[in-house]
Protein backbone atom coordinates (compact mmCIF):
# COMPACT_ATOMS: atom_id res chain seq x y z
CA UNK A 1 15.43 52.35 58.17
CA UNK A 2 16.27 48.92 59.55
CA UNK A 3 13.12 48.91 61.67
CA UNK A 4 11.04 49.34 58.53
CA UNK A 5 12.69 46.50 56.69
CA UNK A 6 12.83 43.94 59.47
CA UNK A 7 11.88 40.57 57.98
CA UNK A 8 10.21 39.42 61.17
CA UNK A 9 7.98 42.48 61.27
CA UNK A 10 7.00 41.96 57.65
CA UNK A 11 5.97 38.40 58.38
CA UNK A 12 3.97 39.48 61.38
CA UNK A 13 2.07 42.05 59.35
CA UNK A 14 1.25 39.51 56.65
CA UNK A 15 0.18 36.97 59.25
CA UNK A 16 -2.05 39.51 60.97
CA UNK A 17 -3.74 40.37 57.66
CA UNK A 18 -4.33 36.73 56.77
CA UNK A 19 -5.72 35.95 60.23
CA UNK A 20 -8.08 38.90 60.02
CA UNK A 21 -9.45 37.55 56.77
CA UNK A 22 -9.62 33.97 58.07
CA UNK A 23 -11.49 35.16 61.18
CA UNK A 24 -14.30 36.50 59.07
CA UNK A 25 -14.83 33.40 56.94
CA UNK A 26 -15.80 30.82 59.62
CA UNK A 27 -18.30 33.20 61.17
CA UNK A 28 -20.39 33.00 58.00
CA UNK A 29 -19.25 29.63 56.62
CA UNK A 30 -22.65 28.04 57.19
CA UNK A 31 -24.43 30.70 55.15
CA UNK A 32 -24.69 29.81 51.48
CA UNK A 33 -23.59 32.26 48.82
CA UNK A 34 -27.09 32.53 47.40
CA UNK A 35 -28.51 33.47 50.82
CA UNK A 36 -25.78 36.06 51.31
CA UNK A 37 -26.46 37.69 47.96
CA UNK A 38 -30.20 37.79 48.63
CA UNK A 39 -29.82 39.96 51.75
CA UNK A 40 -28.36 43.42 52.30
CA UNK A 41 -26.41 42.22 55.32
CA UNK A 42 -24.91 39.37 53.33
CA UNK A 43 -23.95 41.69 50.49
CA UNK A 44 -22.24 44.01 52.98
CA UNK A 45 -20.33 41.10 54.49
CA UNK A 46 -19.14 39.96 51.06
CA UNK A 47 -18.00 43.48 50.22
CA UNK A 48 -16.06 43.70 53.50
CA UNK A 49 -14.44 40.31 52.85
CA UNK A 50 -13.40 41.33 49.34
CA UNK A 51 -12.02 44.65 50.56
CA UNK A 52 -10.11 42.87 53.36
CA UNK A 53 -8.61 40.47 50.84
CA UNK A 54 -7.57 43.38 48.63
CA UNK A 55 -5.96 45.14 51.62
CA UNK A 56 -4.01 41.99 52.50
CA UNK A 57 -2.82 41.63 48.90
CA UNK A 58 -1.87 45.31 48.78
CA UNK A 59 0.06 44.97 52.06
CA UNK A 60 1.95 41.98 50.74
CA UNK A 61 2.81 43.79 47.51
CA UNK A 62 3.91 46.88 49.46
CA UNK A 63 6.19 44.84 51.72
CA UNK A 64 7.65 43.11 48.70
CA UNK A 65 8.42 46.44 47.02
CA UNK A 66 9.95 47.79 50.24
CA UNK A 67 12.18 44.70 50.44
CA UNK A 68 13.31 45.28 46.86
CA UNK A 69 13.95 48.94 47.63
CA UNK A 70 15.98 47.90 50.65
CA UNK A 71 18.17 45.64 48.53
CA UNK A 72 18.77 48.40 46.00
CA UNK A 73 19.69 50.94 48.69
CA UNK A 74 22.05 48.58 50.49
CA UNK A 75 23.68 47.49 47.24
CA UNK A 76 24.16 51.09 46.14
CA UNK A 77 25.71 52.10 49.47
CA UNK A 78 27.86 48.98 49.63
CA UNK A 79 26.23 47.79 52.81
CA UNK A 80 25.28 44.26 53.68
CA UNK A 81 21.74 43.77 54.85
CA UNK A 82 21.58 42.08 58.18
CA UNK A 83 19.46 38.99 58.27
CA UNK A 84 18.49 37.20 61.41
CA UNK A 85 18.25 33.43 61.05
CA UNK A 86 14.79 32.18 62.03
CA UNK A 87 13.57 28.75 63.09
CA UNK A 88 12.09 28.29 59.63
CA UNK A 89 15.44 29.08 58.01
CA UNK A 90 17.15 26.44 60.15
CA UNK A 91 14.44 23.89 59.39
CA UNK A 92 14.61 24.65 55.67
CA UNK A 93 18.37 24.18 55.54
CA UNK A 94 18.44 21.04 57.70
CA UNK A 95 15.49 19.09 56.29
CA UNK A 96 14.69 20.51 52.84
CA UNK A 97 17.37 22.32 50.86
CA UNK A 98 20.62 21.61 52.66
CA UNK A 99 23.63 23.90 52.75
CA UNK A 100 25.05 25.07 49.46
CA UNK A 101 28.29 26.73 48.55
CA UNK A 102 28.00 30.45 47.96
CA UNK A 103 28.17 31.75 44.42
CA UNK A 104 31.77 32.23 43.37
CA UNK A 105 33.08 29.51 45.69
CA UNK A 106 32.02 26.48 43.65
CA UNK A 107 35.63 25.43 43.16
CA UNK A 108 35.74 24.37 46.81
CA UNK A 109 33.35 21.54 45.95
CA UNK A 110 35.22 20.24 42.91
CA UNK A 111 36.32 16.61 43.20
CA UNK A 112 39.76 15.34 42.16
CA UNK A 113 38.77 13.05 39.27
CA UNK A 114 38.26 14.41 35.78
CA UNK A 115 36.74 12.90 32.62
CA UNK A 116 37.16 14.55 29.21
CA UNK A 117 37.85 17.86 30.90
CA UNK A 118 34.71 17.63 32.99
CA UNK A 119 35.02 17.75 36.76
CA UNK A 120 32.30 16.79 39.21
CA UNK A 121 31.09 18.85 42.13
CA UNK A 122 30.62 17.06 45.44
CA UNK A 123 27.02 18.10 46.17
CA UNK A 124 25.33 16.06 48.89
CA UNK A 125 21.89 14.55 48.39
CA UNK A 126 19.11 17.06 49.25
CA UNK A 127 17.76 16.35 52.74
CA UNK A 128 14.17 15.96 51.53
CA UNK A 129 15.21 13.28 49.06
CA UNK A 130 17.41 11.57 51.64
CA UNK A 131 14.55 11.35 54.14
CA UNK A 132 12.18 10.02 51.48
CA UNK A 133 14.73 7.31 50.68
CA UNK A 134 15.08 6.44 54.37
CA UNK A 135 11.28 6.29 54.63
CA UNK A 136 11.03 3.88 51.70
CA UNK A 137 13.66 1.62 53.29
CA UNK A 138 11.73 1.58 56.58
CA UNK A 139 8.44 0.91 54.76
CA UNK A 140 10.09 -1.86 52.72
CA UNK A 141 11.34 -3.55 55.90
CA UNK A 142 7.85 -3.34 57.43
CA UNK A 143 6.22 -4.66 54.23
CA UNK A 144 8.55 -7.68 54.03
CA UNK A 145 8.00 -8.49 57.69
CA UNK A 146 4.21 -8.01 57.57
CA UNK A 147 3.41 -9.70 54.27
CA UNK A 148 6.21 -12.18 53.60
CA UNK A 149 7.47 -13.25 57.02
CA UNK A 150 4.66 -13.04 59.59
CA UNK A 151 1.75 -12.87 57.11
CA UNK A 152 -0.12 -10.31 59.23
CA UNK A 153 -1.01 -7.85 56.49
CA UNK A 154 -4.21 -8.08 54.46
CA UNK A 155 -3.69 -8.91 50.79
CA UNK A 156 -5.76 -7.43 47.96
CA UNK A 157 -7.83 -10.62 47.88
CA UNK A 158 -8.51 -10.34 51.62
CA UNK A 159 -9.54 -6.68 51.27
CA UNK A 160 -11.81 -7.56 48.35
CA UNK A 161 -13.45 -10.37 50.35
CA UNK A 162 -13.93 -8.03 53.32
CA UNK A 163 -15.59 -5.43 51.09
CA UNK A 164 -17.90 -8.06 49.58
CA UNK A 165 -18.87 -9.28 53.05
CA UNK A 166 -19.47 -5.69 54.21
CA UNK A 167 -21.69 -5.04 51.19
CA UNK A 168 -23.58 -8.28 51.90
CA UNK A 169 -24.20 -7.25 55.50
CA UNK A 170 -25.39 -3.80 54.42
CA UNK A 171 -27.75 -5.37 51.87
CA UNK A 172 -29.04 -7.85 54.46
CA UNK A 173 -29.66 -5.02 56.93
CA UNK A 174 -31.48 -3.03 54.25
CA UNK A 175 -33.63 -6.03 53.32
CA UNK A 176 -34.40 -6.78 56.96
CA UNK A 177 -36.23 -10.05 57.53
CA UNK A 178 -37.79 -10.13 54.06
CA UNK A 179 -36.98 -13.13 51.91
CA UNK A 180 -34.89 -12.30 48.83
CA UNK A 181 -36.81 -12.35 45.56
CA UNK A 182 -35.70 -15.17 43.27
CA UNK A 183 -37.29 -17.32 40.59
CA UNK A 184 -38.40 -19.68 43.38
CA UNK A 185 -39.86 -16.98 45.66
CA UNK A 186 -41.29 -14.52 43.10
CA UNK A 187 -44.83 -13.61 44.09
CA UNK A 188 -47.92 -13.12 41.95
CA UNK A 189 -49.01 -9.54 42.60
CA UNK A 190 -51.63 -7.95 40.38
CA UNK A 191 -52.06 -4.78 42.42
CA UNK A 192 -52.29 -1.51 40.51
CA UNK A 193 -49.04 -0.17 42.00
CA UNK A 194 -47.09 -3.28 40.95
CA UNK A 195 -48.58 -3.35 37.45
CA UNK A 196 -47.99 0.38 36.95
CA UNK A 197 -44.34 0.04 38.00
CA UNK A 198 -43.96 -3.04 35.80
CA UNK A 199 -45.52 -1.28 32.81
CA UNK A 200 -43.08 1.62 33.08
CA UNK A 201 -40.16 -0.80 33.01
CA UNK A 202 -41.71 -2.79 30.16
CA UNK A 203 -42.36 0.28 28.01
CA UNK A 204 -38.81 1.54 28.49
CA UNK A 205 -36.79 -1.70 28.36
CA UNK A 206 -38.90 -4.52 26.88
CA UNK A 207 -41.11 -2.93 24.23
CA UNK A 208 -38.30 -2.42 21.66
CA UNK A 209 -38.11 -6.22 21.23
CA UNK A 210 -41.62 -7.32 22.26
CA UNK A 211 -43.70 -4.30 21.09
CA UNK A 212 -45.76 -1.98 23.25
CA UNK A 213 -48.78 -4.29 23.13
CA UNK A 214 -46.68 -7.46 23.61
CA UNK A 215 -47.23 -8.70 20.05
CA UNK A 216 -43.50 -9.22 19.50
CA UNK A 217 -40.99 -7.82 17.00
CA UNK A 218 -37.47 -9.18 17.43
CA UNK A 219 -38.57 -11.05 20.55
CA UNK A 220 -41.45 -13.52 20.73
CA UNK A 221 -45.14 -12.72 21.11
CA UNK A 222 -46.09 -12.41 24.80
CA UNK A 223 -49.87 -12.36 24.29
CA UNK A 224 -50.48 -15.92 23.06
CA UNK A 225 -50.38 -19.24 24.89
CA UNK A 226 -47.01 -20.31 23.49
CA UNK A 227 -43.80 -19.81 25.45
CA UNK A 228 -40.24 -20.59 24.38
CA UNK A 229 -38.84 -20.96 27.90
CA UNK A 230 -41.96 -21.67 29.96
CA UNK A 231 -44.91 -19.47 30.89
CA UNK A 232 -45.07 -19.73 34.65
CA UNK A 233 -44.25 -16.71 36.78
CA UNK A 234 -41.01 -18.39 37.85
CA UNK A 235 -40.05 -19.12 34.23
CA UNK A 236 -40.71 -15.53 33.15
CA UNK A 237 -38.78 -14.13 36.13
CA UNK A 238 -35.82 -16.43 35.39
CA UNK A 239 -35.72 -15.45 31.71
CA UNK A 240 -35.76 -11.74 32.54
CA UNK A 241 -33.22 -12.15 35.34
CA UNK A 242 -30.71 -14.40 33.51
CA UNK A 243 -31.51 -13.40 29.95
CA UNK A 244 -31.20 -15.60 26.86
CA UNK A 245 -27.79 -14.71 25.38
CA UNK A 246 -28.13 -17.15 22.46
CA UNK A 247 -31.29 -15.30 21.38
CA UNK A 248 -29.87 -11.84 21.95
CA UNK A 249 -31.71 -11.10 25.22
CA UNK A 250 -29.41 -9.63 27.83
CA UNK A 251 -29.61 -10.55 31.55
CA UNK A 252 -31.46 -7.70 33.22
CA UNK A 253 -30.19 -8.48 36.72
CA UNK A 254 -27.37 -5.98 36.17
CA UNK A 255 -29.80 -3.13 35.43
CA UNK A 256 -32.94 -4.01 37.39
CA UNK A 257 -33.39 -5.00 41.02
CA UNK A 258 -35.21 -8.26 41.89
CA UNK A 259 -38.23 -6.19 42.96
CA UNK A 260 -38.32 -4.42 39.58
CA UNK A 261 -38.01 -7.76 37.76
CA UNK A 262 -40.92 -9.10 39.83
CA UNK A 263 -42.99 -6.05 38.89
CA UNK A 264 -42.36 -6.42 35.16
CA UNK A 265 -42.95 -10.18 35.40
CA UNK A 266 -46.41 -9.57 36.84
CA UNK A 267 -47.11 -7.05 34.10
CA UNK A 268 -46.09 -9.51 31.38
CA UNK A 269 -48.70 -11.94 32.71
CA UNK A 270 -51.42 -9.33 32.10
CA UNK A 271 -50.55 -9.25 28.39
CA UNK A 272 -52.38 -12.58 27.97
CA UNK A 273 -55.62 -10.57 27.74
CA UNK A 274 -54.28 -8.16 25.08
CA UNK A 275 -55.07 -8.38 21.37
CA UNK A 276 -51.97 -6.95 19.63
CA UNK A 277 -52.26 -4.96 16.44
CA UNK A 278 -49.69 -7.04 14.58
CA UNK A 279 -49.08 -10.29 16.50
CA UNK A 280 -46.03 -12.37 15.73
CA UNK A 281 -46.45 -16.05 14.92
CA UNK A 282 -46.50 -18.40 17.92
CA UNK A 283 -43.17 -19.77 19.13
CA UNK A 284 -42.33 -22.49 21.63
CA UNK A 285 -44.75 -24.80 23.39
CA UNK A 286 -48.31 -24.17 24.48
CA UNK A 287 -48.65 -23.28 28.13
CA UNK A 288 -52.02 -22.57 29.75
CA UNK A 289 -51.68 -20.98 33.15
CA UNK A 290 -55.23 -21.88 34.23
CA UNK A 291 -54.65 -25.61 33.71
CA UNK A 292 -51.49 -25.49 35.74
CA UNK A 293 -53.24 -23.65 38.57
CA UNK A 294 -56.07 -26.20 38.55
CA UNK A 295 -53.57 -29.06 38.69
CA UNK A 296 -51.78 -27.39 41.60
CA UNK A 297 -55.07 -26.83 43.43
CA UNK A 298 -56.10 -30.46 42.91
CA UNK A 299 -52.71 -31.62 44.15
CA UNK A 300 -53.08 -29.41 47.23
CA UNK A 301 -56.52 -30.90 47.87
CA UNK A 302 -55.14 -34.44 47.52
CA UNK A 303 -52.30 -33.63 49.91
CA UNK A 304 -54.77 -32.16 52.39
CA UNK A 305 -56.98 -35.26 52.13
CA UNK A 306 -54.05 -37.57 52.71
CA UNK A 307 -53.00 -35.53 55.76
CA UNK A 308 -56.54 -35.80 57.22
CA UNK A 309 -56.58 -39.55 56.64
CA UNK A 310 -53.23 -39.93 58.37
CA UNK A 311 -54.44 -37.94 61.36
CA UNK A 312 -57.61 -40.06 61.59
CA UNK A 313 -55.55 -43.24 61.41
CA UNK A 314 -53.32 -41.98 64.17
CA UNK A 315 -56.35 -41.42 66.39
């Protein structure tokens, strides 16, 4: 009878069942559930795994019932079940639960003082709580030394700065050697790919205030020669990037990348050739892009002429 109810044997049987189930899982861990179900071999494996799990559960339940039966038999016959102390039992008592007084012997732990007929039992602190307390004391000593005495620990501000720098390096690596797109470096690009990408952004984000054809609704008309904040490509990029909060236009730099803002900026320039169905009245100052380009070209020619004259004089 004792051989059947040995606690160690029970544990070994349970462990063997669990290991048998665990052995099967890694062998097929890389196979997805859908792939298993779509093949006869996979279905068979799943059935075996389920049956193994059921057997393990049944074994555990059977051992539990046998243990209960053992207790009933020993109690009925007035016998005391022998129990061999294991390494886990010693660990549990020493580091987790501690030793407690047996039921019926609580009076041995009663302390001498009494208040209103209530007496206190001298129970020690549970080992797990004691070791947590000791750990907090050790951590507190380290924290004071690291952060307040020697200043070797990183503060929240230092960690935040490190994360920002790491993100900057990652962004720089992703960008490579390309120059970042800003209002000063935005490029005029009228390629079909750029205009198509810009139109998609415009239709989704800009048309509610400027209309699909650019004629303007809440926002100003984008098809005429009048601009509230300037009509150059840099001016348009800056307005989209920074927004105009006093007019109700949000800064789009939090929702669009610089490349996307450059795309939609180039698309907005193409609206100069559109005749809107219901154009809004002009706002701002007149700005003609062609005149500006001619002035810039003439200035470039003058600069080039001056450079040639200087070279000739030097010779």
